[in-house]
Amino acid sequence: MSLPHLASGQIASVLPLGARLDQTATQALFKEGPLEVMRLVLKAGKHVPPHAVDGPMTVQCLEGEVRVRVDGSERQLHQGDLLYLGPCVRYDVTAVSDASVLVTMVLPGSR
């Protein structure tokens, strides 16, 4: 069952989940016009296949460690690290350890 999106003015915690990571699902926090923010929860070894987003985006590691491959080169993100990707940049993500990441995307043409 999906959780409702945040309403304007509503607060959500994006602190590390810690022991609750095992029981927490990926959640789209909100989508408004071209802006979408989601918290991805990834178990160690989970792989998100290569893809691209039409607009700019950021990936912020909230806890754990993830490896992001961008245009053939790898970047390791640890807790507190933020990665910026421009429009149409192809990337994939692999969780090195249990992790959660905050993904912010601008999707041109979305309403």
PDB file of N, CA and C in Angstrom:
ATOM      1  N   MET A   1       0.840  -1.180   0.000  1.00  0.00           N
ATOM      2  CA  MET A   1       0.000   0.000   0.000  1.00  0.00           C
ATOM      3  C   MET A   1       0.882   1.239   0.000  1.00  0.00           C
ATOM      4  N   SER A   2       0.624   2.164  -0.883  1.00  0.00           N
ATOM      5  CA  SER A   2       1.443   3.371  -0.939  1.00  0.00           C
ATOM      6  C   SER A   2       0.960   4.391   0.083  1.00  0.00           C
ATOM      7  N   LEU A   3       1.902   5.194   0.531  1.00  0.00           N
ATOM      8  CA  LEU A   3       1.584   6.241   1.490  1.00  0.00           C
ATOM      9  C   LEU A   3       1.184   7.498   0.733  1.00  0.00           C
ATOM     10  N   PRO A   4       0.331   8.329   1.339  1.00  0.00           N
ATOM     11  CA  PRO A   4      -0.060   9.562   0.652  1.00  0.00           C
ATOM     12  C   PRO A   4       1.119  10.514   0.520  1.00  0.00           C
ATOM     13  N   HIS A   5       1.090  11.317  -0.532  1.00  0.00           N
ATOM     14  CA  HIS A   5       2.121  12.341  -0.722  1.00  0.00           C
ATOM     15  C   HIS A   5       1.949  13.435   0.311  1.00  0.00           C
ATOM     16  N   LEU A   6       3.039  14.132   0.587  1.00  0.00           N
ATOM     17  CA  LEU A   6       2.983  15.272   1.496  1.00  0.00           C
ATOM     18  C   LEU A   6       2.091  16.362   0.917  1.00  0.00           C
ATOM     19  N   ALA A   7       1.384  17.036   1.802  1.00  0.00           N
ATOM     20  CA  ALA A   7       0.622  18.219   1.403  1.00  0.00           C
ATOM     21  C   ALA A   7       1.526  19.431   1.565  1.00  0.00           C
ATOM     22  N   SER A   8       1.223  20.493   0.855  1.00  0.00           N
ATOM     23  CA  SER A   8       1.989  21.729   0.985  1.00  0.00           C
ATOM     24  C   SER A   8       2.015  22.161   2.450  1.00  0.00           C
ATOM     25  N   GLY A   9       3.200  22.446   2.966  1.00  0.00           N
ATOM     26  CA  GLY A   9       3.364  22.865   4.356  1.00  0.00           C
ATOM     27  C   GLY A   9       3.565  21.726   5.338  1.00  0.00           C
ATOM     28  N   GLN A  10       3.419  20.487   4.891  1.00  0.00           N
ATOM     29  CA  GLN A  10       3.591  19.320   5.761  1.00  0.00           C
ATOM     30  C   GLN A  10       5.070  18.963   5.864  1.00  0.00           C
ATOM     31  N   ILE A  11       5.488  18.487   7.030  1.00  0.00           N
ATOM     32  CA  ILE A  11       6.886  18.135   7.297  1.00  0.00           C
ATOM     33  C   ILE A  11       7.060  16.619   7.247  1.00  0.00           C
ATOM     34  N   ALA A  12       8.171  16.172   6.678  1.00  0.00           N
ATOM     35  CA  ALA A  12       8.535  14.753   6.680  1.00  0.00           C
ATOM     36  C   ALA A  12       9.974  14.632   7.151  1.00  0.00           C
ATOM     37  N   SER A  13      10.251  13.633   7.945  1.00  0.00           N
ATOM     38  CA  SER A  13      11.618  13.376   8.390  1.00  0.00           C
ATOM     39  C   SER A  13      12.357  12.577   7.324  1.00  0.00           C
ATOM     40  N   VAL A  14      13.581  12.998   7.030  1.00  0.00           N
ATOM     41  CA  VAL A  14      14.441  12.217   6.140  1.00  0.00           C
ATOM     42  C   VAL A  14      15.714  11.807   6.889  1.00  0.00           C
ATOM     43  N   LEU A  15      15.595  11.716   8.214  1.00  0.00           N
ATOM     44  CA  LEU A  15      16.712  11.222   9.015  1.00  0.00           C
ATOM     45  C   LEU A  15      16.971   9.761   8.654  1.00  0.00           C
ATOM     46  N   PRO A  16      18.170   9.258   8.934  1.00  0.00           N
ATOM     47  CA  PRO A  16      18.438   7.844   8.680  1.00  0.00           C
ATOM     48  C   PRO A  16      17.405   6.953   9.367  1.00  0.00           C
ATOM     49  N   LEU A  17      17.029   5.869   8.700  1.00  0.00           N
ATOM     50  CA  LEU A  17      16.038   4.943   9.230  1.00  0.00           C
ATOM     51  C   LEU A  17      16.629   3.992  10.260  1.00  0.00           C
ATOM     52  N   GLY A  18      17.926   3.734  10.166  1.00  0.00           N
ATOM     53  CA  GLY A  18      18.573   2.829  11.113  1.00  0.00           C
ATOM     54  C   GLY A  18      17.930   1.452  11.084  1.00  0.00           C
ATOM     55  N   ALA A  19      17.542   0.955  12.257  1.00  0.00           N
ATOM     56  CA  ALA A  19      16.969  -0.388  12.387  1.00  0.00           C
ATOM     57  C   ALA A  19      15.640  -0.530  11.650  1.00  0.00           C
ATOM     58  N   ARG A  20      14.973   0.569  11.332  1.00  0.00           N
ATOM     59  CA  ARG A  20      13.685   0.521  10.627  1.00  0.00           C
ATOM     60  C   ARG A  20      13.846   0.364   9.115  1.00  0.00           C
ATOM     61  N   LEU A  21      15.080   0.409   8.617  1.00  0.00           N
ATOM     62  CA  LEU A  21      15.299   0.329   7.174  1.00  0.00           C
ATOM     63  C   LEU A  21      14.699  -0.953   6.592  1.00  0.00           C
ATOM     64  N   ASP A  22      14.826  -2.077   7.303  1.00  0.00           N
ATOM     65  CA  ASP A  22      14.297  -3.355   6.814  1.00  0.00           C
ATOM     66  C   ASP A  22      12.788  -3.342   6.617  1.00  0.00           C
ATOM     67  N   GLN A  23      12.082  -2.536   7.400  1.00  0.00           N
ATOM     68  CA  GLN A  23      10.623  -2.514   7.339  1.00  0.00           C
ATOM     69  C   GLN A  23      10.073  -1.325   6.546  1.00  0.00           C
ATOM     70  N   THR A  24      10.946  -0.564   5.914  1.00  0.00           N
ATOM     71  CA  THR A  24      10.509   0.646   5.221  1.00  0.00           C
ATOM     72  C   THR A  24      10.611   0.458   3.712  1.00  0.00           C
ATOM     73  N   ALA A  25       9.575   0.887   3.015  1.00  0.00           N
ATOM     74  CA  ALA A  25       9.548   0.790   1.553  1.00  0.00           C
ATOM     75  C   ALA A  25       9.951   2.121   0.930  1.00  0.00           C
ATOM     76  N   THR A  26      10.367   2.061  -0.313  1.00  0.00           N
ATOM     77  CA  THR A  26      10.605   3.277  -1.082  1.00  0.00           C
ATOM     78  C   THR A  26       9.319   4.090  -1.101  1.00  0.00           C
ATOM     79  N   GLN A  27       9.460   5.411  -0.975  1.00  0.00           N
ATOM     80  CA  GLN A  27       8.274   6.271  -0.920  1.00  0.00           C
ATOM     81  C   GLN A  27       8.473   7.536  -1.744  1.00  0.00           C
ATOM     82  N   ALA A  28       7.501   7.838  -2.602  1.00  0.00           N
ATOM     83  CA  ALA A  28       7.461   9.138  -3.272  1.00  0.00           C
ATOM     84  C   ALA A  28       6.918  10.123  -2.241  1.00  0.00           C
ATOM     85  N   LEU A  29       7.736  11.094  -1.842  1.00  0.00           N
ATOM     86  CA  LEU A  29       7.308  12.047  -0.820  1.00  0.00           C
ATOM     87  C   LEU A  29       6.317  13.051  -1.378  1.00  0.00           C
ATOM     88  N   PHE A  30       6.609  13.586  -2.557  1.00  0.00           N
ATOM     89  CA  PHE A  30       5.634  14.447  -3.228  1.00  0.00           C
ATOM     90  C   PHE A  30       6.003  14.632  -4.689  1.00  0.00           C
ATOM     91  N   LYS A  31       5.005  15.014  -5.452  1.00  0.00           N
ATOM     92  CA  LYS A  31       5.183  15.389  -6.854  1.00  0.00           C
ATOM     93  C   LYS A  31       4.270  16.574  -7.092  1.00  0.00           C
ATOM     94  N   GLU A  32       4.869  17.665  -7.515  1.00  0.00           N
ATOM     95  CA  GLU A  32       4.119  18.892  -7.781  1.00  0.00           C
ATOM     96  C   GLU A  32       4.682  19.512  -9.051  1.00  0.00           C
ATOM     97  N   GLY A  33       3.875  19.560 -10.088  1.00  0.00           N
ATOM     98  CA  GLY A  33       4.369  20.066 -11.364  1.00  0.00           C
ATOM     99  C   GLY A  33       5.569  19.249 -11.806  1.00  0.00           C
ATOM    100  N   PRO A  34       6.665  19.912 -12.170  1.00  0.00           N
ATOM    101  CA  PRO A  34       7.834  19.178 -12.650  1.00  0.00           C
ATOM    102  C   PRO A  34       8.739  18.635 -11.535  1.00  0.00           C
ATOM    103  N   LEU A  35       8.435  18.946 -10.264  1.00  0.00           N
ATOM    104  CA  LEU A  35       9.307  18.558  -9.151  1.00  0.00           C
ATOM    105  C   LEU A  35       8.811  17.281  -8.484  1.00  0.00           C
ATOM    106  N   GLU A  36       9.703  16.299  -8.345  1.00  0.00           N
ATOM    107  CA  GLU A  36       9.373  15.055  -7.650  1.00  0.00           C
ATOM    108  C   GLU A  36      10.500  14.724  -6.679  1.00  0.00           C
ATOM    109  N   VAL A  37      10.122  14.359  -5.451  1.00  0.00           N
ATOM    110  CA  VAL A  37      11.090  13.978  -4.424  1.00  0.00           C
ATOM    111  C   VAL A  37      10.683  12.618  -3.875  1.00  0.00           C
ATOM    112  N   MET A  38      11.649  11.691  -3.819  1.00  0.00           N
ATOM    113  CA  MET A  38      11.359  10.361  -3.284  1.00  0.00           C
ATOM    114  C   MET A  38      12.512   9.860  -2.427  1.00  0.00           C
ATOM    115  N   ARG A  39      12.154   8.990  -1.501  1.00  0.00           N
ATOM    116  CA  ARG A  39      13.163   8.313  -0.689  1.00  0.00           C
ATOM    117  C   ARG A  39      13.229   6.870  -1.179  1.00  0.00           C
ATOM    118  N   LEU A  40      14.388   6.491  -1.737  1.00  0.00           N
ATOM    119  CA  LEU A  40      14.608   5.117  -2.176  1.00  0.00           C
ATOM    120  C   LEU A  40      15.243   4.338  -1.042  1.00  0.00           C
ATOM    121  N   VAL A  41      14.690   3.182  -0.748  1.00  0.00           N
ATOM    122  CA  VAL A  41      15.258   2.288   0.256  1.00  0.00           C
ATOM    123  C   VAL A  41      15.811   1.088  -0.502  1.00  0.00           C
ATOM    124  N   LEU A  42      17.111   0.857  -0.357  1.00  0.00           N
ATOM    125  CA  LEU A  42      17.801  -0.175  -1.125  1.00  0.00           C
ATOM    126  C   LEU A  42      18.530  -1.135  -0.197  1.00  0.00           C
ATOM    127  N   LYS A  43      18.243  -2.416  -0.331  1.00  0.00           N
ATOM    128  CA  LYS A  43      18.973  -3.445   0.415  1.00  0.00           C
ATOM    129  C   LYS A  43      20.325  -3.673  -0.253  1.00  0.00           C
ATOM    130  N   ALA A  44      21.307  -4.085   0.529  1.00  0.00           N
ATOM    131  CA  ALA A  44      22.641  -4.360  -0.012  1.00  0.00           C
ATOM    132  C   ALA A  44      22.528  -5.273  -1.230  1.00  0.00           C
ATOM    133  N   GLY A  45      23.202  -4.894  -2.312  1.00  0.00           N
ATOM    134  CA  GLY A  45      23.188  -5.674  -3.538  1.00  0.00           C
ATOM    135  C   GLY A  45      22.098  -5.285  -4.521  1.00  0.00           C
ATOM    136  N   LYS A  46      21.103  -4.540  -4.077  1.00  0.00           N
ATOM    137  CA  LYS A  46      20.014  -4.115  -4.978  1.00  0.00           C
ATOM    138  C   LYS A  46      20.577  -3.220  -6.074  1.00  0.00           C
ATOM    139  N   HIS A  47      20.152  -3.484  -7.297  1.00  0.00           N
ATOM    140  CA  HIS A  47      20.644  -2.722  -8.451  1.00  0.00           C
ATOM    141  C   HIS A  47      19.473  -2.054  -9.161  1.00  0.00           C
ATOM    142  N   VAL A  48      19.598  -0.773  -9.411  1.00  0.00           N
ATOM    143  CA  VAL A  48      18.631  -0.028 -10.221  1.00  0.00           C
ATOM    144  C   VAL A  48      19.259   0.090 -11.609  1.00  0.00           C
ATOM    145  N   PRO A  49      18.649  -0.519 -12.627  1.00  0.00           N
ATOM    146  CA  PRO A  49      19.255  -0.563 -13.960  1.00  0.00           C
ATOM    147  C   PRO A  49      19.498   0.823 -14.563  1.00  0.00           C
ATOM    148  N   PRO A  50      20.395   0.880 -15.548  1.00  0.00           N
ATOM    149  CA  PRO A  50      20.702   2.156 -16.200  1.00  0.00           C
ATOM    150  C   PRO A  50      19.456   2.812 -16.792  1.00  0.00           C
ATOM    151  N   HIS A  51      19.359   4.098 -16.574  1.00  0.00           N
ATOM    152  CA  HIS A  51      18.277   4.898 -17.143  1.00  0.00           C
ATOM    153  C   HIS A  51      18.674   6.367 -17.066  1.00  0.00           C
ATOM    154  N   ALA A  52      17.850   7.235 -17.600  1.00  0.00           N
ATOM    155  CA  ALA A  52      18.107   8.677 -17.582  1.00  0.00           C
ATOM    156  C   ALA A  52      16.796   9.400 -17.311  1.00  0.00           C
ATOM    157  N   VAL A  53      16.902  10.601 -16.776  1.00  0.00           N
ATOM    158  CA  VAL A  53      15.758  11.465 -16.504  1.00  0.00           C
ATOM    159  C   VAL A  53      15.894  12.681 -17.418  1.00  0.00           C
ATOM    160  N   ASP A  54      14.796  13.155 -17.958  1.00  0.00           N
ATOM    161  CA  ASP A  54      14.840  14.277 -18.906  1.00  0.00           C
ATOM    162  C   ASP A  54      15.339  15.578 -18.294  1.00  0.00           C
ATOM    163  N   GLY A  55      15.191  15.749 -16.994  1.00  0.00           N
ATOM    164  CA  GLY A  55      15.613  16.990 -16.340  1.00  0.00           C
ATOM    165  C   GLY A  55      16.748  16.752 -15.364  1.00  0.00           C
ATOM    166  N   PRO A  56      17.207  17.816 -14.700  1.00  0.00           N
ATOM    167  CA  PRO A  56      18.270  17.675 -13.703  1.00  0.00           C
ATOM    168  C   PRO A  56      17.760  16.952 -12.464  1.00  0.00           C
ATOM    169  N   MET A  57      18.699  16.372 -11.720  1.00  0.00           N
ATOM    170  CA  MET A  57      18.324  15.646 -10.507  1.00  0.00           C
ATOM    171  C   MET A  57      19.481  15.615  -9.526  1.00  0.00           C
ATOM    172  N   THR A  58      19.157  15.311  -8.272  1.00  0.00           N
ATOM    173  CA  THR A  58      20.181  15.067  -7.264  1.00  0.00           C
ATOM    174  C   THR A  58      19.894  13.735  -6.588  1.00  0.00           C
ATOM    175  N   VAL A  59      20.957  13.103  -6.109  1.00  0.00           N
ATOM    176  CA  VAL A  59      20.872  11.885  -5.314  1.00  0.00           C
ATOM    177  C   VAL A  59      21.662  12.162  -4.044  1.00  0.00           C
ATOM    178  N   GLN A  60      20.990  12.146  -2.900  1.00  0.00           N
ATOM    179  CA  GLN A  60      21.650  12.393  -1.618  1.00  0.00           C
ATOM    180  C   GLN A  60      21.586  11.121  -0.791  1.00  0.00           C
ATOM    181  N   CYS A  61      22.741  10.618  -0.383  1.00  0.00           N
ATOM    182  CA  CYS A  61      22.801   9.415   0.438  1.00  0.00           C
ATOM    183  C   CYS A  61      22.468   9.791   1.884  1.00  0.00           C
ATOM    184  N   LEU A  62      21.371   9.246   2.396  1.00  0.00           N
ATOM    185  CA  LEU A  62      20.945   9.529   3.764  1.00  0.00           C
ATOM    186  C   LEU A  62      21.586   8.572   4.763  1.00  0.00           C
ATOM    187  N   GLU A  63      21.853   7.351   4.306  1.00  0.00           N
ATOM    188  CA  GLU A  63      22.511   6.354   5.159  1.00  0.00           C
ATOM    189  C   GLU A  63      23.007   5.214   4.289  1.00  0.00           C
ATOM    190  N   GLY A  64      24.001   4.506   4.802  1.00  0.00           N
ATOM    191  CA  GLY A  64      24.571   3.399   4.054  1.00  0.00           C
ATOM    192  C   GLY A  64      25.533   3.890   2.987  1.00  0.00           C
ATOM    193  N   GLU A  65      25.687   3.073   1.955  1.00  0.00           N
ATOM    194  CA  GLU A  65      26.607   3.400   0.864  1.00  0.00           C
ATOM    195  C   GLU A  65      26.028   2.886  -0.445  1.00  0.00           C
ATOM    196  N   VAL A  66      26.074   3.730  -1.473  1.00  0.00           N
ATOM    197  CA  VAL A  66      25.640   3.328  -2.807  1.00  0.00           C
ATOM    198  C   VAL A  66      26.723   3.665  -3.820  1.00  0.00           C
ATOM    199  N   ARG A  67      26.755   2.883  -4.884  1.00  0.00           N
ATOM    200  CA  ARG A  67      27.669   3.132  -5.993  1.00  0.00           C
ATOM    201  C   ARG A  67      26.807   3.594  -7.171  1.00  0.00           C
ATOM    202  N   VAL A  68      27.146   4.741  -7.709  1.00  0.00           N
ATOM    203  CA  VAL A  68      26.413   5.281  -8.857  1.00  0.00           C
ATOM    204  C   VAL A  68      27.368   5.307 -10.041  1.00  0.00           C
ATOM    205  N   ARG A  69      26.964   4.650 -11.121  1.00  0.00           N
ATOM    206  CA  ARG A  69      27.771   4.669 -12.334  1.00  0.00           C
ATOM    207  C   ARG A  69      27.167   5.704 -13.276  1.00  0.00           C
ATOM    208  N   VAL A  70      27.998   6.665 -13.664  1.00  0.00           N
ATOM    209  CA  VAL A  70      27.572   7.765 -14.530  1.00  0.00           C
ATOM    210  C   VAL A  70      28.499   7.785 -15.740  1.00  0.00           C
ATOM    211  N   ASP A  71      27.931   7.611 -16.917  1.00  0.00           N
ATOM    212  CA  ASP A  71      28.728   7.643 -18.147  1.00  0.00           C
ATOM    213  C   ASP A  71      29.983   6.779 -18.047  1.00  0.00           C
ATOM    214  N   GLY A  72      29.839   5.587 -17.459  1.00  0.00           N
ATOM    215  CA  GLY A  72      30.942   4.643 -17.401  1.00  0.00           C
ATOM    216  C   GLY A  72      31.892   4.780 -16.230  1.00  0.00           C
ATOM    217  N   SER A  73      31.797   5.846 -15.440  1.00  0.00           N
ATOM    218  CA  SER A  73      32.673   5.961 -14.271  1.00  0.00           C
ATOM    219  C   SER A  73      31.837   5.866 -12.995  1.00  0.00           C
ATOM    220  N   GLU A  74      32.452   5.302 -11.959  1.00  0.00           N
ATOM    221  CA  GLU A  74      31.728   5.051 -10.713  1.00  0.00           C
ATOM    222  C   GLU A  74      32.008   6.112  -9.667  1.00  0.00           C
ATOM    223  N   ARG A  75      30.975   6.415  -8.893  1.00  0.00           N
ATOM    224  CA  ARG A  75      31.090   7.308  -7.740  1.00  0.00           C
ATOM    225  C   ARG A  75      30.515   6.581  -6.539  1.00  0.00           C
ATOM    226  N   GLN A  76      31.202   6.658  -5.411  1.00  0.00           N
ATOM    227  CA  GLN A  76      30.723   6.072  -4.160  1.00  0.00           C
ATOM    228  C   GLN A  76      30.075   7.184  -3.347  1.00  0.00           C
ATOM    229  N   LEU A  77      28.850   6.989  -2.937  1.00  0.00           N
ATOM    230  CA  LEU A  77      28.167   7.946  -2.075  1.00  0.00           C
ATOM    231  C   LEU A  77      28.010   7.332  -0.693  1.00  0.00           C
ATOM    232  N   HIS A  78      28.430   8.091   0.306  1.00  0.00           N
ATOM    233  CA  HIS A  78      28.284   7.701   1.704  1.00  0.00           C
ATOM    234  C   HIS A  78      27.299   8.654   2.364  1.00  0.00           C
ATOM    235  N   GLN A  79      26.908   8.343   3.591  1.00  0.00           N
ATOM    236  CA  GLN A  79      25.965   9.193   4.315  1.00  0.00           C
ATOM    237  C   GLN A  79      26.396  10.655   4.239  1.00  0.00           C
ATOM    238  N   GLY A  80      25.471  11.507   3.800  1.00  0.00           N
ATOM    239  CA  GLY A  80      25.739  12.936   3.712  1.00  0.00           C
ATOM    240  C   GLY A  80      26.222  13.407   2.355  1.00  0.00           C
ATOM    241  N   ASP A  81      26.585  12.488   1.452  1.00  0.00           N
ATOM    242  CA  ASP A  81      27.063  12.876   0.119  1.00  0.00           C
ATOM    243  C   ASP A  81      25.887  13.194  -0.806  1.00  0.00           C
ATOM    244  N   LEU A  82      26.100  14.186  -1.679  1.00  0.00           N
ATOM    245  CA  LEU A  82      25.093  14.613  -2.646  1.00  0.00           C
ATOM    246  C   LEU A  82      25.706  14.581  -4.039  1.00  0.00           C
ATOM    247  N   LEU A  83      25.006  13.980  -4.982  1.00  0.00           N
ATOM    248  CA  LEU A  83      25.451  13.895  -6.370  1.00  0.00           C
ATOM    249  C   LEU A  83      24.459  14.642  -7.252  1.00  0.00           C
ATOM    250  N   TYR A  84      24.961  15.533  -8.101  1.00  0.00           N
ATOM    251  CA  TYR A  84      24.124  16.241  -9.073  1.00  0.00           C
ATOM    252  C   TYR A  84      24.292  15.592 -10.437  1.00  0.00           C
ATOM    253  N   LEU A  85      23.185  15.396 -11.130  1.00  0.00           N
ATOM    254  CA  LEU A  85      23.205  14.881 -12.499  1.00  0.00           C
ATOM    255  C   LEU A  85      22.398  15.825 -13.385  1.00  0.00           C
ATOM    256  N   GLY A  86      22.983  16.236 -14.493  1.00  0.00           N
ATOM    257  CA  GLY A  86      22.287  17.102 -15.434  1.00  0.00           C
ATOM    258  C   GLY A  86      21.228  16.338 -16.211  1.00  0.00           C
ATOM    259  N   PRO A  87      20.458  17.040 -17.017  1.00  0.00           N
ATOM    260  CA  PRO A  87      19.413  16.400 -17.812  1.00  0.00           C
ATOM    261  C   PRO A  87      19.970  15.319 -18.738  1.00  0.00           C
ATOM    262  N   CYS A  88      19.215  14.238 -18.854  1.00  0.00           N
ATOM    263  CA  CYS A  88      19.490  13.153 -19.811  1.00  0.00           C
ATOM    264  C   CYS A  88      20.810  12.425 -19.567  1.00  0.00           C
ATOM    265  N   VAL A  89      21.343  12.487 -18.350  1.00  0.00           N
ATOM    266  CA  VAL A  89      22.565  11.752 -18.015  1.00  0.00           C
ATOM    267  C   VAL A  89      22.171  10.325 -17.626  1.00  0.00           C
ATOM    268  N   ARG A  90      22.753   9.360 -18.298  1.00  0.00           N
ATOM    269  CA  ARG A  90      22.451   7.947 -18.030  1.00  0.00           C
ATOM    270  C   ARG A  90      23.230   7.492 -16.797  1.00  0.00           C
ATOM    271  N   TYR A  91      22.532   6.807 -15.883  1.00  0.00           N
ATOM    272  CA  TYR A  91      23.164   6.365 -14.638  1.00  0.00           C
ATOM    273  C   TYR A  91      22.496   5.092 -14.137  1.00  0.00           C
ATOM    274  N   ASP A  92      23.181   4.371 -13.262  1.00  0.00           N
ATOM    275  CA  ASP A  92      22.571   3.264 -12.533  1.00  0.00           C
ATOM    276  C   ASP A  92      23.096   3.292 -11.109  1.00  0.00           C
ATOM    277  N   VAL A  93      22.388   2.615 -10.219  1.00  0.00           N
ATOM    278  CA  VAL A  93      22.697   2.652  -8.786  1.00  0.00           C
ATOM    279  C   VAL A  93      22.761   1.230  -8.254  1.00  0.00           C
ATOM    280  N   THR A  94      23.767   0.958  -7.413  1.00  0.00           N
ATOM    281  CA  THR A  94      23.869  -0.312  -6.704  1.00  0.00           C
ATOM    282  C   THR A  94      24.111  -0.017  -5.230  1.00  0.00           C
ATOM    283  N   ALA A  95      23.340  -0.658  -4.369  1.00  0.00           N
ATOM    284  CA  ALA A  95      23.532  -0.492  -2.930  1.00  0.00           C
ATOM    285  C   ALA A  95      24.702  -1.365  -2.487  1.00  0.00           C
ATOM    286  N   VAL A  96      25.747  -0.735  -1.969  1.00  0.00           N
ATOM    287  CA  VAL A  96      26.909  -1.457  -1.443  1.00  0.00           C
ATOM    288  C   VAL A  96      26.546  -2.054  -0.087  1.00  0.00           C
ATOM    289  N   SER A  97      25.767  -1.300   0.694  1.00  0.00           N
ATOM    290  CA  SER A  97      25.223  -1.766   1.968  1.00  0.00           C
ATOM    291  C   SER A  97      23.762  -1.338   1.998  1.00  0.00           C
ATOM    292  N   ASP A  98      23.007  -1.793   2.990  1.00  0.00           N
ATOM    293  CA  ASP A  98      21.638  -1.299   3.128  1.00  0.00           C
ATOM    294  C   ASP A  98      21.699   0.222   3.160  1.00  0.00           C
ATOM    295  N   ALA A  99      20.844   0.878   2.381  1.00  0.00           N
ATOM    296  CA  ALA A  99      20.954   2.329   2.233  1.00  0.00           C
ATOM    297  C   ALA A  99      19.595   2.956   1.966  1.00  0.00           C
ATOM    298  N   SER A 100      19.511   4.247   2.262  1.00  0.00           N
ATOM    299  CA  SER A 100      18.378   5.040   1.783  1.00  0.00           C
ATOM    300  C   SER A 100      18.942   6.315   1.181  1.00  0.00           C
ATOM    301  N   VAL A 101      18.322   6.733   0.081  1.00  0.00           N
ATOM    302  CA  VAL A 101      18.774   7.924  -0.633  1.00  0.00           C
ATOM    303  C   VAL A 101      17.573   8.809  -0.942  1.00  0.00           C
ATOM    304  N   LEU A 102      17.813  10.101  -0.930  1.00  0.00           N
ATOM    305  CA  LEU A 102      16.789  11.078  -1.278  1.00  0.00           C
ATOM    306  C   LEU A 102      17.046  11.518  -2.714  1.00  0.00           C
ATOM    307  N   VAL A 103      16.074  11.292  -3.575  1.00  0.00           N
ATOM    308  CA  VAL A 103      16.200  11.632  -4.991  1.00  0.00           C
ATOM    309  C   VAL A 103      15.259  12.797  -5.292  1.00  0.00           C
ATOM    310  N   THR A 104      15.814  13.849  -5.871  1.00  0.00           N
ATOM    311  CA  THR A 104      15.034  15.018  -6.275  1.00  0.00           C
ATOM    312  C   THR A 104      15.184  15.173  -7.781  1.00  0.00           C
ATOM    313  N   MET A 105      14.046  15.215  -8.486  1.00  0.00           N
ATOM    314  CA  MET A 105      14.072  15.300  -9.949  1.00  0.00           C
ATOM    315  C   MET A 105      13.199  16.449 -10.433  1.00  0.00           C
ATOM    316  N   VAL A 106      13.652  17.097 -11.477  1.00  0.00           N
ATOM    317  CA  VAL A 106      12.831  18.070 -12.193  1.00  0.00           C
ATOM    318  C   VAL A 106      12.502  17.429 -13.536  1.00  0.00           C
ATOM    319  N   LEU A 107      11.219  17.205 -13.772  1.00  0.00           N
ATOM    320  CA  LEU A 107      10.772  16.498 -14.967  1.00  0.00           C
ATOM    321  C   LEU A 107      10.090  17.481 -15.916  1.00  0.00           C
ATOM    322  N   PRO A 108      10.828  18.006 -16.886  1.00  0.00           N
ATOM    323  CA  PRO A 108      10.259  18.994 -17.804  1.00  0.00           C
ATOM    324  C   PRO A 108       8.993  18.464 -18.471  1.00  0.00           C
ATOM    325  N   GLY A 109       8.030  19.327 -18.622  1.00  0.00           N
ATOM    326  CA  GLY A 109       6.793  18.943 -19.286  1.00  0.00           C
ATOM    327  C   GLY A 109       5.778  18.291 -18.375  1.00  0.00           C
ATOM    328  N   SER A 110       6.148  17.986 -17.108  1.00  0.00           N
ATOM    329  CA  SER A 110       5.196  17.386 -16.168  1.00  0.00           C
ATOM    330  C   SER A 110       4.288  18.460 -15.613  1.00  0.00           C
ATOM    331  N   ARG A 111       3.068  18.081 -15.357  1.00  0.00           N
ATOM    332  CA  ARG A 111       2.108  19.028 -14.771  1.00  0.00           C
ATOM    333  C   ARG A 111       1.514  18.440 -13.530  1.00  0.00           C
TER     334      ARG A 111
END
